Amino acid sequence: MHLSGIVNFQHVFSLLSASINHIPSEVSLDINNHLPSIDNHQTTNVENVKPVVLWHGLGDNYNSSGMNKVKDIINSIYPDTFVYSIAIDEDPSTDQQRSMFGDANVELEQVCETLSTIPELERGFNAIGFSQGGVFIRALIERCPFVKVHNLVTFGSPHLGIMELPLCKDPKDWLCKARNGLLKKQVWFDSVQKRVIPAQYFRDRAQIDKYLEHSNLLADINNERVEKNSTYRDNFSSINKLVLVTFTEDTTLVPKDSAAFIDFDPETGTIIPFAETDLYQRDYIGLKQLHEQNKVEFLSIEADHMKITENFLREVTINYLGPEI
């Protein structure tokens, strides 16, 4: 049975790889351009603005129009600010594919090493993570000794995991859904956990024992296993500000409340509020410490996944990426 499952996965993997150009647009950064353009005269030329590091989401790439637009917005408000967009590969197409397939732990080690070689980032930086990019930056904060993040802003990031694998562009594409369904049934196989990126932050509360045993990434960086890593808690609790942005109409991130570290009871289906989760109560990663020090802020956008307006990004830039008062 196990061998058969692996064969099935290899077939599904090849089909998904072949359809890389059909990644759902909802998981790519989508800046609404119909709003008034930024007035370049309304900039703030100040000193001591920290560099900014960006990490794109699933199906996006470091050099996409959306990511470049984010850079433009930051630089229009704080000119000459160093903005670095994380890339797993210099080729945008390959970088996009690596956002879907690969071992997240290997990619995190690569990024950790890369960031350590960038002089502009040596004294620390602010960071924005879009969707899964937010989870990955959090993992860097916990694991990478070279990373010194001041403020972290995450947009629709699956901090408490996902229960669906967002790999189908069209919800009516039954063939894709069938492949996705097969992949979900095999989500705890090592062959899936170490090759399909979204599987590595899959977290089904009804299968919590399997999650704790087999999760390739999330169970570790959330410190949910019996053996805890105190370094994760110490490192993450040392940041200055954590800003959690949720999309109220999110249909890609399931459950959407994962973006705000909100959990749920699988037996009753009831929501477990932010401050009542085990992750918070037992302070596995320092979240409780940050919250008690008034270092956690919750924002929301009344839109679907990654539907972000220029105005919202401007406010985030001014409020969280500027100089300290």
C-alpha atoms as a PDB file:
ATOM      1  CA  MET A   1       0.000   0.000   0.000  1.00  0.00           C
ATOM      2  CA  HIS A   2       2.791   2.414   0.864  1.00  0.00           C
ATOM      3  CA  LEU A   3       4.664   1.722  -2.391  1.00  0.00           C
ATOM      4  CA  SER A   4       1.476   2.186  -4.384  1.00  0.00           C
ATOM      5  CA  GLY A   5       0.908   5.519  -2.690  1.00  0.00           C
ATOM      6  CA  ILE A   6       4.359   6.723  -3.672  1.00  0.00           C
ATOM      7  CA  VAL A   7       3.796   5.715  -7.297  1.00  0.00           C
ATOM      8  CA  ASN A   8       0.540   7.641  -7.314  1.00  0.00           C
ATOM      9  CA  PHE A   9       2.269  10.652  -5.844  1.00  0.00           C
ATOM     10  CA  GLN A  10       4.967  10.603  -8.504  1.00  0.00           C
ATOM     11  CA  HIS A  11       2.247  10.731 -11.154  1.00  0.00           C
ATOM     12  CA  VAL A  12       0.450  13.575  -9.413  1.00  0.00           C
ATOM     13  CA  PHE A  13       3.719  15.449  -8.918  1.00  0.00           C
ATOM     14  CA  SER A  14       4.574  15.219 -12.617  1.00  0.00           C
ATOM     15  CA  LEU A  15       1.128  16.489 -13.607  1.00  0.00           C
ATOM     16  CA  LEU A  16       1.312  19.415 -11.187  1.00  0.00           C
ATOM     17  CA  SER A  17       4.840  20.250 -12.338  1.00  0.00           C
ATOM     18  CA  ALA A  18       3.704  20.249 -15.958  1.00  0.00           C
ATOM     19  CA  SER A  19       0.938  22.725 -15.132  1.00  0.00           C
ATOM     20  CA  ILE A  20       3.205  25.196 -13.330  1.00  0.00           C
ATOM     21  CA  ASN A  21       1.869  28.047 -15.498  1.00  0.00           C
ATOM     22  CA  HIS A  22      -1.613  27.454 -14.141  1.00  0.00           C
ATOM     23  CA  ILE A  23      -0.876  28.318 -10.547  1.00  0.00           C
ATOM     24  CA  PRO A  24      -3.839  30.146  -9.041  1.00  0.00           C
ATOM     25  CA  SER A  25      -3.465  33.898  -9.452  1.00  0.00           C
ATOM     26  CA  GLU A  26      -5.041  34.380  -6.028  1.00  0.00           C
ATOM     27  CA  VAL A  27      -1.825  33.318  -4.335  1.00  0.00           C
ATOM     28  CA  SER A  28       0.260  35.893  -6.200  1.00  0.00           C
ATOM     29  CA  LEU A  29       0.507  39.419  -4.893  1.00  0.00           C
ATOM     30  CA  ASP A  30      -2.257  41.422  -6.558  1.00  0.00           C
ATOM     31  CA  ILE A  31      -1.898  45.199  -6.223  1.00  0.00           C
ATOM     32  CA  ASN A  32      -5.048  47.024  -7.305  1.00  0.00           C
ATOM     33  CA  ASN A  33      -3.891  49.729  -9.692  1.00  0.00           C
ATOM     34  CA  HIS A  34      -7.192  51.515 -10.125  1.00  0.00           C
ATOM     35  CA  LEU A  35      -6.578  53.617  -7.033  1.00  0.00           C
ATOM     36  CA  PRO A  36      -4.805  56.973  -7.355  1.00  0.00           C
ATOM     37  CA  SER A  37      -1.078  56.614  -7.935  1.00  0.00           C
ATOM     38  CA  ILE A  38       1.287  57.560  -5.155  1.00  0.00           C
ATOM     39  CA  ASP A  39       2.190  61.225  -5.161  1.00  0.00           C
ATOM     40  CA  ASN A  40       5.960  61.269  -5.440  1.00  0.00           C
ATOM     41  CA  HIS A  41       6.018  64.660  -3.759  1.00  0.00           C
ATOM     42  CA  GLN A  42       4.606  63.142  -0.590  1.00  0.00           C
ATOM     43  CA  THR A  43       7.791  61.340   0.348  1.00  0.00           C
ATOM     44  CA  THR A  44       9.745  61.384   3.546  1.00  0.00           C
ATOM     45  CA  ASN A  45      13.478  61.620   3.159  1.00  0.00           C
ATOM     46  CA  VAL A  46      14.641  60.561   6.601  1.00  0.00           C
ATOM     47  CA  GLU A  47      17.688  58.884   7.967  1.00  0.00           C
ATOM     48  CA  ASN A  48      17.821  55.675   9.961  1.00  0.00           C
ATOM     49  CA  VAL A  49      15.166  53.866   7.938  1.00  0.00           C
ATOM     50  CA  LYS A  50      15.974  50.186   8.145  1.00  0.00           C
ATOM     51  CA  PRO A  51      16.350  48.020   5.031  1.00  0.00           C
ATOM     52  CA  VAL A  52      13.347  45.922   4.061  1.00  0.00           C
ATOM     53  CA  VAL A  53      13.305  42.249   3.108  1.00  0.00           C
ATOM     54  CA  LEU A  54      10.368  40.772   1.159  1.00  0.00           C
ATOM     55  CA  TRP A  55       9.432  37.126   0.681  1.00  0.00           C
ATOM     56  CA  HIS A  56       6.787  36.338  -1.908  1.00  0.00           C
ATOM     57  CA  GLY A  57       4.117  33.682  -1.652  1.00  0.00           C
ATOM     58  CA  LEU A  58       3.190  30.409  -3.293  1.00  0.00           C
ATOM     59  CA  GLY A  59       3.201  30.603  -7.087  1.00  0.00           C
ATOM     60  CA  ASP A  60       4.803  34.038  -7.181  1.00  0.00           C
ATOM     61  CA  ASN A  61       8.433  34.974  -7.802  1.00  0.00           C
ATOM     62  CA  TYR A  62      10.869  37.546  -6.462  1.00  0.00           C
ATOM     63  CA  ASN A  63      10.794  39.638  -9.655  1.00  0.00           C
ATOM     64  CA  SER A  64       7.069  39.662 -10.389  1.00  0.00           C
ATOM     65  CA  SER A  65       5.173  42.852 -11.144  1.00  0.00           C
ATOM     66  CA  GLY A  66       3.521  42.674  -7.740  1.00  0.00           C
ATOM     67  CA  MET A  67       6.777  42.369  -5.823  1.00  0.00           C
ATOM     68  CA  ASN A  68       8.363  45.154  -7.853  1.00  0.00           C
ATOM     69  CA  LYS A  69       5.331  47.321  -7.119  1.00  0.00           C
ATOM     70  CA  VAL A  70       5.868  46.790  -3.400  1.00  0.00           C
ATOM     71  CA  LYS A  71       9.476  47.933  -3.796  1.00  0.00           C
ATOM     72  CA  ASP A  72       8.309  51.030  -5.686  1.00  0.00           C
ATOM     73  CA  ILE A  73       5.811  51.913  -2.969  1.00  0.00           C
ATOM     74  CA  ILE A  74       8.412  51.629  -0.209  1.00  0.00           C
ATOM     75  CA  ASN A  75      10.972  53.681  -2.139  1.00  0.00           C
ATOM     76  CA  SER A  76       8.405  56.329  -3.057  1.00  0.00           C
ATOM     77  CA  ILE A  77       7.867  57.005   0.652  1.00  0.00           C
ATOM     78  CA  TYR A  78      11.380  56.345   1.923  1.00  0.00           C
ATOM     79  CA  PRO A  79      13.737  57.062  -0.998  1.00  0.00           C
ATOM     80  CA  ASP A  80      16.957  55.093  -1.267  1.00  0.00           C
ATOM     81  CA  THR A  81      15.804  52.494   1.250  1.00  0.00           C
ATOM     82  CA  PHE A  82      17.462  49.168   0.499  1.00  0.00           C
ATOM     83  CA  VAL A  83      14.733  46.649  -0.417  1.00  0.00           C
ATOM     84  CA  TYR A  84      15.692  43.030  -0.992  1.00  0.00           C
ATOM     85  CA  SER A  85      13.291  40.473  -2.476  1.00  0.00           C
ATOM     86  CA  ILE A  86      14.225  36.931  -1.466  1.00  0.00           C
ATOM     87  CA  ALA A  87      14.886  34.522  -4.323  1.00  0.00           C
ATOM     88  CA  ILE A  88      15.595  30.814  -4.218  1.00  0.00           C
ATOM     89  CA  ASP A  89      16.769  31.024  -7.819  1.00  0.00           C
ATOM     90  CA  GLU A  90      17.790  33.992  -9.980  1.00  0.00           C
ATOM     91  CA  ASP A  91      15.596  32.738 -12.819  1.00  0.00           C
ATOM     92  CA  PRO A  92      12.051  33.992 -12.012  1.00  0.00           C
ATOM     93  CA  SER A  93      10.402  30.940 -13.556  1.00  0.00           C
ATOM     94  CA  THR A  94      12.530  28.578 -11.490  1.00  0.00           C
ATOM     95  CA  ASP A  95      12.002  30.709  -8.400  1.00  0.00           C
ATOM     96  CA  GLN A  96       8.257  30.405  -8.951  1.00  0.00           C
ATOM     97  CA  GLN A  97       8.507  26.625  -9.261  1.00  0.00           C
ATOM     98  CA  ARG A  98      10.679  26.410  -6.138  1.00  0.00           C
ATOM     99  CA  SER A  99       7.891  28.178  -4.237  1.00  0.00           C
ATOM    100  CA  MET A 100       5.756  25.090  -4.896  1.00  0.00           C
ATOM    101  CA  PHE A 101       8.157  22.166  -4.965  1.00  0.00           C
ATOM    102  CA  GLY A 102      11.188  21.381  -2.848  1.00  0.00           C
ATOM    103  CA  ASP A 103      12.263  20.967   0.764  1.00  0.00           C
ATOM    104  CA  ALA A 104      11.442  24.127   2.721  1.00  0.00           C
ATOM    105  CA  ASN A 105      14.202  23.400   5.243  1.00  0.00           C
ATOM    106  CA  VAL A 106      16.818  23.308   2.495  1.00  0.00           C
ATOM    107  CA  GLU A 107      15.487  26.553   1.040  1.00  0.00           C
ATOM    108  CA  LEU A 108      15.536  28.230   4.448  1.00  0.00           C
ATOM    109  CA  GLU A 109      19.173  27.246   4.955  1.00  0.00           C
ATOM    110  CA  GLN A 110      19.997  28.678   1.532  1.00  0.00           C
ATOM    111  CA  VAL A 111      18.262  31.974   2.286  1.00  0.00           C
ATOM    112  CA  CYS A 112      19.891  32.187   5.720  1.00  0.00           C
ATOM    113  CA  GLU A 113      23.308  31.879   4.111  1.00  0.00           C
ATOM    114  CA  THR A 114      22.448  34.371   1.376  1.00  0.00           C
ATOM    115  CA  LEU A 115      21.219  37.035   3.791  1.00  0.00           C
ATOM    116  CA  SER A 116      24.423  36.690   5.797  1.00  0.00           C
ATOM    117  CA  THR A 117      26.413  37.877   2.760  1.00  0.00           C
ATOM    118  CA  ILE A 118      24.453  41.111   2.194  1.00  0.00           C
ATOM    119  CA  PRO A 119      26.215  44.012   3.955  1.00  0.00           C
ATOM    120  CA  GLU A 120      23.127  46.239   3.985  1.00  0.00           C
ATOM    121  CA  LEU A 121      21.314  43.740   6.223  1.00  0.00           C
ATOM    122  CA  GLU A 122      24.013  43.282   8.848  1.00  0.00           C
ATOM    123  CA  ARG A 123      22.507  45.750  11.326  1.00  0.00           C
ATOM    124  CA  GLY A 124      18.984  44.407  11.028  1.00  0.00           C
ATOM    125  CA  PHE A 125      15.958  45.009   8.838  1.00  0.00           C
ATOM    126  CA  ASN A 126      12.188  45.106   8.653  1.00  0.00           C
ATOM    127  CA  ALA A 127      10.433  42.310   6.792  1.00  0.00           C
ATOM    128  CA  ILE A 128       7.209  41.630   4.922  1.00  0.00           C
ATOM    129  CA  GLY A 129       6.062  38.096   4.174  1.00  0.00           C
ATOM    130  CA  PHE A 130       3.256  37.429   1.724  1.00  0.00           C
ATOM    131  CA  SER A 131       1.246  34.271   2.377  1.00  0.00           C
ATOM    132  CA  GLN A 132       3.698  31.380   2.895  1.00  0.00           C
ATOM    133  CA  GLY A 133       6.540  33.906   2.731  1.00  0.00           C
ATOM    134  CA  GLY A 134       5.430  35.164   6.137  1.00  0.00           C
ATOM    135  CA  VAL A 135       5.823  31.728   7.685  1.00  0.00           C
ATOM    136  CA  PHE A 136       9.223  31.351   6.061  1.00  0.00           C
ATOM    137  CA  ILE A 137      10.497  34.680   7.394  1.00  0.00           C
ATOM    138  CA  ARG A 138       9.280  33.693  10.846  1.00  0.00           C
ATOM    139  CA  ALA A 139      11.232  30.448  10.469  1.00  0.00           C
ATOM    140  CA  LEU A 140      14.325  32.476   9.556  1.00  0.00           C
ATOM    141  CA  ILE A 141      13.915  34.624  12.665  1.00  0.00           C
ATOM    142  CA  GLU A 142      13.740  31.514  14.825  1.00  0.00           C
ATOM    143  CA  ARG A 143      16.519  29.541  13.146  1.00  0.00           C
ATOM    144  CA  CYS A 144      18.960  31.803  11.323  1.00  0.00           C
ATOM    145  CA  PRO A 145      21.663  33.367  13.534  1.00  0.00           C
ATOM    146  CA  PHE A 146      22.410  36.001  10.865  1.00  0.00           C
ATOM    147  CA  VAL A 147      18.870  37.409  10.794  1.00  0.00           C
ATOM    148  CA  LYS A 148      17.980  40.431  12.925  1.00  0.00           C
ATOM    149  CA  VAL A 149      14.382  41.398  12.162  1.00  0.00           C
ATOM    150  CA  HIS A 150      12.963  44.549  13.742  1.00  0.00           C
ATOM    151  CA  ASN A 151       9.334  44.627  12.561  1.00  0.00           C
ATOM    152  CA  LEU A 152       7.663  41.682  10.805  1.00  0.00           C
ATOM    153  CA  VAL A 153       4.479  42.131   8.770  1.00  0.00           C
ATOM    154  CA  THR A 154       2.747  39.031   7.391  1.00  0.00           C
ATOM    155  CA  PHE A 155      -0.114  39.051   4.902  1.00  0.00           C
ATOM    156  CA  GLY A 156      -2.471  36.064   4.983  1.00  0.00           C
ATOM    157  CA  SER A 157       0.245  33.733   6.246  1.00  0.00           C
ATOM    158  CA  PRO A 158      -0.605  30.176   7.389  1.00  0.00           C
ATOM    159  CA  HIS A 159       0.996  30.462  10.820  1.00  0.00           C
ATOM    160  CA  LEU A 160      -1.213  27.697  12.199  1.00  0.00           C
ATOM    161  CA  GLY A 161      -1.214  25.755   8.966  1.00  0.00           C
ATOM    162  CA  ILE A 162      -3.664  24.920   6.210  1.00  0.00           C
ATOM    163  CA  MET A 163      -6.257  22.200   5.747  1.00  0.00           C
ATOM    164  CA  GLU A 164      -6.434  22.448   1.958  1.00  0.00           C
ATOM    165  CA  LEU A 165      -3.628  22.418  -0.620  1.00  0.00           C
ATOM    166  CA  PRO A 166      -4.137  25.536  -2.806  1.00  0.00           C
ATOM    167  CA  LEU A 167      -2.905  24.100  -6.106  1.00  0.00           C
ATOM    168  CA  CYS A 168      -5.954  24.464  -8.370  1.00  0.00           C
ATOM    169  CA  LYS A 169      -6.619  27.692 -10.249  1.00  0.00           C
ATOM    170  CA  ASP A 170     -10.216  26.951 -11.196  1.00  0.00           C
ATOM    171  CA  PRO A 171     -12.492  25.485  -8.479  1.00  0.00           C
ATOM    172  CA  LYS A 172     -14.454  23.829 -11.296  1.00  0.00           C
ATOM    173  CA  ASP A 173     -11.372  22.035 -12.627  1.00  0.00           C
ATOM    174  CA  TRP A 174     -12.371  18.605 -11.383  1.00  0.00           C
ATOM    175  CA  LEU A 175      -9.274  16.887 -12.783  1.00  0.00           C
ATOM    176  CA  CYS A 176      -7.010  19.225 -10.812  1.00  0.00           C
ATOM    177  CA  LYS A 177      -9.175  18.810  -7.719  1.00  0.00           C
ATOM    178  CA  ALA A 178      -8.939  15.035  -8.086  1.00  0.00           C
ATOM    179  CA  ARG A 179      -5.136  15.238  -8.259  1.00  0.00           C
ATOM    180  CA  ASN A 180      -5.130  17.625  -5.317  1.00  0.00           C
ATOM    181  CA  GLY A 181      -7.387  15.272  -3.360  1.00  0.00           C
ATOM    182  CA  LEU A 182      -5.031  12.359  -3.978  1.00  0.00           C
ATOM    183  CA  LEU A 183      -2.087  14.474  -2.866  1.00  0.00           C
ATOM    184  CA  LYS A 184      -3.934  15.458   0.308  1.00  0.00           C
ATOM    185  CA  LYS A 185      -4.547  11.792   1.164  1.00  0.00           C
ATOM    186  CA  GLN A 186      -0.797  11.201   0.898  1.00  0.00           C
ATOM    187  CA  VAL A 187       0.222  14.404   2.648  1.00  0.00           C
ATOM    188  CA  TRP A 188       2.059  12.645   5.488  1.00  0.00           C
ATOM    189  CA  PHE A 189       4.313  10.571   3.210  1.00  0.00           C
ATOM    190  CA  ASP A 190       7.945  11.706   3.380  1.00  0.00           C
ATOM    191  CA  SER A 191       7.954  11.871  -0.432  1.00  0.00           C
ATOM    192  CA  VAL A 192       5.235  14.536  -0.243  1.00  0.00           C
ATOM    193  CA  GLN A 193       6.456  16.341   2.863  1.00  0.00           C
ATOM    194  CA  LYS A 194       9.901  16.888   1.375  1.00  0.00           C
ATOM    195  CA  ARG A 195       8.803  17.790  -2.140  1.00  0.00           C
ATOM    196  CA  VAL A 196       5.535  19.759  -2.011  1.00  0.00           C
ATOM    197  CA  ILE A 197       5.970  23.075  -0.207  1.00  0.00           C
ATOM    198  CA  PRO A 198       2.332  23.633   0.943  1.00  0.00           C
ATOM    199  CA  ALA A 199       2.265  20.112   2.411  1.00  0.00           C
ATOM    200  CA  GLN A 200       5.015  21.202   4.785  1.00  0.00           C
ATOM    201  CA  TYR A 201       2.670  23.602   6.566  1.00  0.00           C
ATOM    202  CA  PHE A 202      -0.395  21.347   6.318  1.00  0.00           C
ATOM    203  CA  ARG A 203      -1.957  20.987   9.764  1.00  0.00           C
ATOM    204  CA  ASP A 204      -5.195  19.114  10.339  1.00  0.00           C
ATOM    205  CA  ARG A 205      -6.290  19.303  13.966  1.00  0.00           C
ATOM    206  CA  ALA A 206      -8.220  16.043  13.472  1.00  0.00           C
ATOM    207  CA  GLN A 207      -4.889  14.357  12.580  1.00  0.00           C
ATOM    208  CA  ILE A 208      -2.696  16.146  15.077  1.00  0.00           C
ATOM    209  CA  ASP A 209      -0.661  13.043  15.958  1.00  0.00           C
ATOM    210  CA  LYS A 210       0.257  12.465  12.301  1.00  0.00           C
ATOM    211  CA  TYR A 211       1.072  16.135  11.938  1.00  0.00           C
ATOM    212  CA  LEU A 212       3.415  16.100  14.928  1.00  0.00           C
ATOM    213  CA  GLU A 213       5.142  12.961  13.660  1.00  0.00           C
ATOM    214  CA  HIS A 214       5.490  13.768   9.971  1.00  0.00           C
ATOM    215  CA  SER A 215       5.369  17.549   9.441  1.00  0.00           C
ATOM    216  CA  ASN A 216       8.545  18.596   7.661  1.00  0.00           C
ATOM    217  CA  LEU A 217       8.415  22.252   8.750  1.00  0.00           C
ATOM    218  CA  LEU A 218       5.502  23.744  10.668  1.00  0.00           C
ATOM    219  CA  ALA A 219       5.427  21.426  13.690  1.00  0.00           C
ATOM    220  CA  ASP A 220       9.074  22.273  14.263  1.00  0.00           C
ATOM    221  CA  ILE A 221       8.974  26.059  13.877  1.00  0.00           C
ATOM    222  CA  ASN A 222       5.774  26.185  15.948  1.00  0.00           C
ATOM    223  CA  ASN A 223       7.613  24.215  18.662  1.00  0.00           C
ATOM    224  CA  GLU A 224       4.622  21.889  19.038  1.00  0.00           C
ATOM    225  CA  ARG A 225       6.519  18.659  19.520  1.00  0.00           C
ATOM    226  CA  VAL A 226       7.377  17.315  22.975  1.00  0.00           C
ATOM    227  CA  GLU A 227      10.999  18.381  22.713  1.00  0.00           C
ATOM    228  CA  LYS A 228      11.084  22.187  22.596  1.00  0.00           C
ATOM    229  CA  ASN A 229      13.718  24.451  21.122  1.00  0.00           C
ATOM    230  CA  SER A 230      14.134  27.386  23.480  1.00  0.00           C
ATOM    231  CA  THR A 231      16.181  29.241  20.863  1.00  0.00           C
ATOM    232  CA  TYR A 232      13.080  29.589  18.691  1.00  0.00           C
ATOM    233  CA  ARG A 233      11.200  31.266  21.529  1.00  0.00           C
ATOM    234  CA  ASP A 234      14.103  33.510  22.477  1.00  0.00           C
ATOM    235  CA  ASN A 235      14.725  34.629  18.903  1.00  0.00           C
ATOM    236  CA  PHE A 236      11.139  35.281  17.911  1.00  0.00           C
ATOM    237  CA  SER A 237      10.229  37.087  21.131  1.00  0.00           C
ATOM    238  CA  SER A 238      13.116  39.499  20.532  1.00  0.00           C
ATOM    239  CA  ILE A 239      11.523  41.275  17.542  1.00  0.00           C
ATOM    240  CA  ASN A 240      10.102  44.746  18.021  1.00  0.00           C
ATOM    241  CA  LYS A 241       6.713  44.335  16.353  1.00  0.00           C
ATOM    242  CA  LEU A 242       4.611  41.559  14.814  1.00  0.00           C
ATOM    243  CA  VAL A 243       1.831  42.685  12.480  1.00  0.00           C
ATOM    244  CA  LEU A 244      -0.650  40.001  11.403  1.00  0.00           C
ATOM    245  CA  VAL A 245      -2.828  40.838   8.396  1.00  0.00           C
ATOM    246  CA  THR A 246      -5.886  38.683   7.691  1.00  0.00           C
ATOM    247  CA  PHE A 247      -8.037  38.699   4.548  1.00  0.00           C
ATOM    248  CA  THR A 248     -11.643  38.523   5.717  1.00  0.00           C
ATOM    249  CA  GLU A 249     -12.881  36.989   2.450  1.00  0.00           C
ATOM    250  CA  ASP A 250      -9.947  34.610   2.028  1.00  0.00           C
ATOM    251  CA  THR A 251     -10.839  31.482   0.031  1.00  0.00           C
ATOM    252  CA  THR A 252      -7.255  30.342  -0.616  1.00  0.00           C
ATOM    253  CA  LEU A 253      -5.969  30.114   2.944  1.00  0.00           C
ATOM    254  CA  VAL A 254      -8.100  27.495   4.694  1.00  0.00           C
ATOM    255  CA  PRO A 255      -8.704  28.256   7.506  1.00  0.00           C
ATOM    256  CA  LYS A 256      -8.235  31.994   6.968  1.00  0.00           C
ATOM    257  CA  ASP A 257      -7.891  32.645  10.726  1.00  0.00           C
ATOM    258  CA  SER A 258      -4.565  30.808  10.620  1.00  0.00           C
ATOM    259  CA  ALA A 259      -3.104  34.164   9.534  1.00  0.00           C
ATOM    260  CA  ALA A 260      -3.767  35.505  13.039  1.00  0.00           C
ATOM    261  CA  PHE A 261      -2.598  32.414  14.971  1.00  0.00           C
ATOM    262  CA  ILE A 262      -6.253  31.495  15.625  1.00  0.00           C
ATOM    263  CA  ASP A 263      -7.022  27.786  15.981  1.00  0.00           C
ATOM    264  CA  PHE A 264     -10.196  25.710  16.171  1.00  0.00           C
ATOM    265  CA  ASP A 265     -11.536  22.647  17.969  1.00  0.00           C
ATOM    266  CA  PRO A 266     -11.973  19.807  15.437  1.00  0.00           C
ATOM    267  CA  GLU A 267     -14.665  18.112  17.519  1.00  0.00           C
ATOM    268  CA  THR A 268     -16.938  21.118  17.996  1.00  0.00           C
ATOM    269  CA  GLY A 269     -15.762  23.281  15.110  1.00  0.00           C
ATOM    270  CA  THR A 270     -15.558  26.263  17.463  1.00  0.00           C
ATOM    271  CA  ILE A 271     -12.858  28.907  17.124  1.00  0.00           C
ATOM    272  CA  ILE A 272     -10.040  28.961  19.677  1.00  0.00           C
ATOM    273  CA  PRO A 273      -9.102  32.651  20.070  1.00  0.00           C
ATOM    274  CA  PHE A 274      -5.537  33.865  19.682  1.00  0.00           C
ATOM    275  CA  ALA A 275      -4.825  34.088  23.435  1.00  0.00           C
ATOM    276  CA  GLU A 276      -6.414  30.711  24.222  1.00  0.00           C
ATOM    277  CA  THR A 277      -4.419  28.454  21.914  1.00  0.00           C
ATOM    278  CA  ASP A 278      -1.810  26.064  23.279  1.00  0.00           C
ATOM    279  CA  LEU A 279       0.800  27.884  21.203  1.00  0.00           C
ATOM    280  CA  TYR A 280       0.018  31.087  23.090  1.00  0.00           C
ATOM    281  CA  GLN A 281      -0.808  29.746  26.558  1.00  0.00           C
ATOM    282  CA  ARG A 282       2.360  27.657  26.753  1.00  0.00           C
ATOM    283  CA  ASP A 283       4.337  30.276  24.841  1.00  0.00           C
ATOM    284  CA  TYR A 284       5.997  27.789  22.523  1.00  0.00           C
ATOM    285  CA  ILE A 285       7.554  30.481  20.299  1.00  0.00           C
ATOM    286  CA  GLY A 286       7.371  33.626  22.437  1.00  0.00           C
ATOM    287  CA  LEU A 287       4.049  34.812  21.051  1.00  0.00           C
ATOM    288  CA  LYS A 288       2.589  35.375  24.511  1.00  0.00           C
ATOM    289  CA  GLN A 289       5.616  37.391  25.556  1.00  0.00           C
ATOM    290  CA  LEU A 290       5.319  39.602  22.474  1.00  0.00           C
ATOM    291  CA  HIS A 291       1.598  40.115  23.065  1.00  0.00           C
ATOM    292  CA  GLU A 292       1.982  40.988  26.736  1.00  0.00           C
ATOM    293  CA  GLN A 293       4.547  43.607  25.723  1.00  0.00           C
ATOM    294  CA  ASN A 294       2.026  45.128  23.269  1.00  0.00           C
ATOM    295  CA  LYS A 295       4.181  44.084  20.323  1.00  0.00           C
ATOM    296  CA  VAL A 296       1.466  42.268  18.344  1.00  0.00           C
ATOM    297  CA  GLU A 297      -0.986  44.096  16.100  1.00  0.00           C
ATOM    298  CA  PHE A 298      -3.892  42.678  14.111  1.00  0.00           C
ATOM    299  CA  LEU A 299      -5.017  44.198  10.813  1.00  0.00           C
ATOM    300  CA  SER A 300      -7.561  42.998   8.279  1.00  0.00           C
ATOM    301  CA  ILE A 301      -8.401  43.570   4.628  1.00  0.00           C
ATOM    302  CA  GLU A 302     -11.958  43.034   3.408  1.00  0.00           C
ATOM    303  CA  ALA A 303     -10.921  41.100   0.323  1.00  0.00           C
ATOM    304  CA  ASP A 304      -9.809  37.706  -0.937  1.00  0.00           C
ATOM    305  CA  HIS A 305      -6.286  36.345  -0.569  1.00  0.00           C
ATOM    306  CA  MET A 306      -3.511  38.769  -1.587  1.00  0.00           C
ATOM    307  CA  LYS A 307      -5.907  41.430  -2.870  1.00  0.00           C
ATOM    308  CA  ILE A 308      -4.023  44.407  -1.478  1.00  0.00           C
ATOM    309  CA  THR A 309      -4.487  48.064  -2.378  1.00  0.00           C
ATOM    310  CA  GLU A 310      -1.748  50.634  -2.797  1.00  0.00           C
ATOM    311  CA  ASN A 311      -3.219  52.699  -0.002  1.00  0.00           C
ATOM    312  CA  PHE A 312      -3.053  49.801   2.448  1.00  0.00           C
ATOM    313  CA  LEU A 313       0.576  49.125   1.570  1.00  0.00           C
ATOM    314  CA  ARG A 314       1.371  52.800   1.969  1.00  0.00           C
ATOM    315  CA  GLU A 315      -0.089  52.761   5.466  1.00  0.00           C
ATOM    316  CA  VAL A 316       1.898  49.642   6.361  1.00  0.00           C
ATOM    317  CA  THR A 317       5.063  51.254   5.001  1.00  0.00           C
ATOM    318  CA  ILE A 318       4.560  54.481   6.950  1.00  0.00           C
ATOM    319  CA  ASN A 319       3.469  52.797  10.183  1.00  0.00           C
ATOM    320  CA  TYR A 320       5.888  49.872  10.365  1.00  0.00           C
ATOM    321  CA  LEU A 321       8.803  50.411   7.980  1.00  0.00           C
ATOM    322  CA  GLY A 322       9.770  53.955   8.871  1.00  0.00           C
ATOM    323  CA  PRO A 323      12.239  55.317  11.398  1.00  0.00           C
ATOM    324  CA  GLU A 324      11.683  54.701  15.071  1.00  0.00           C
ATOM    325  CA  ILE A 325      10.124  57.616  16.879  1.00  0.00           C
END
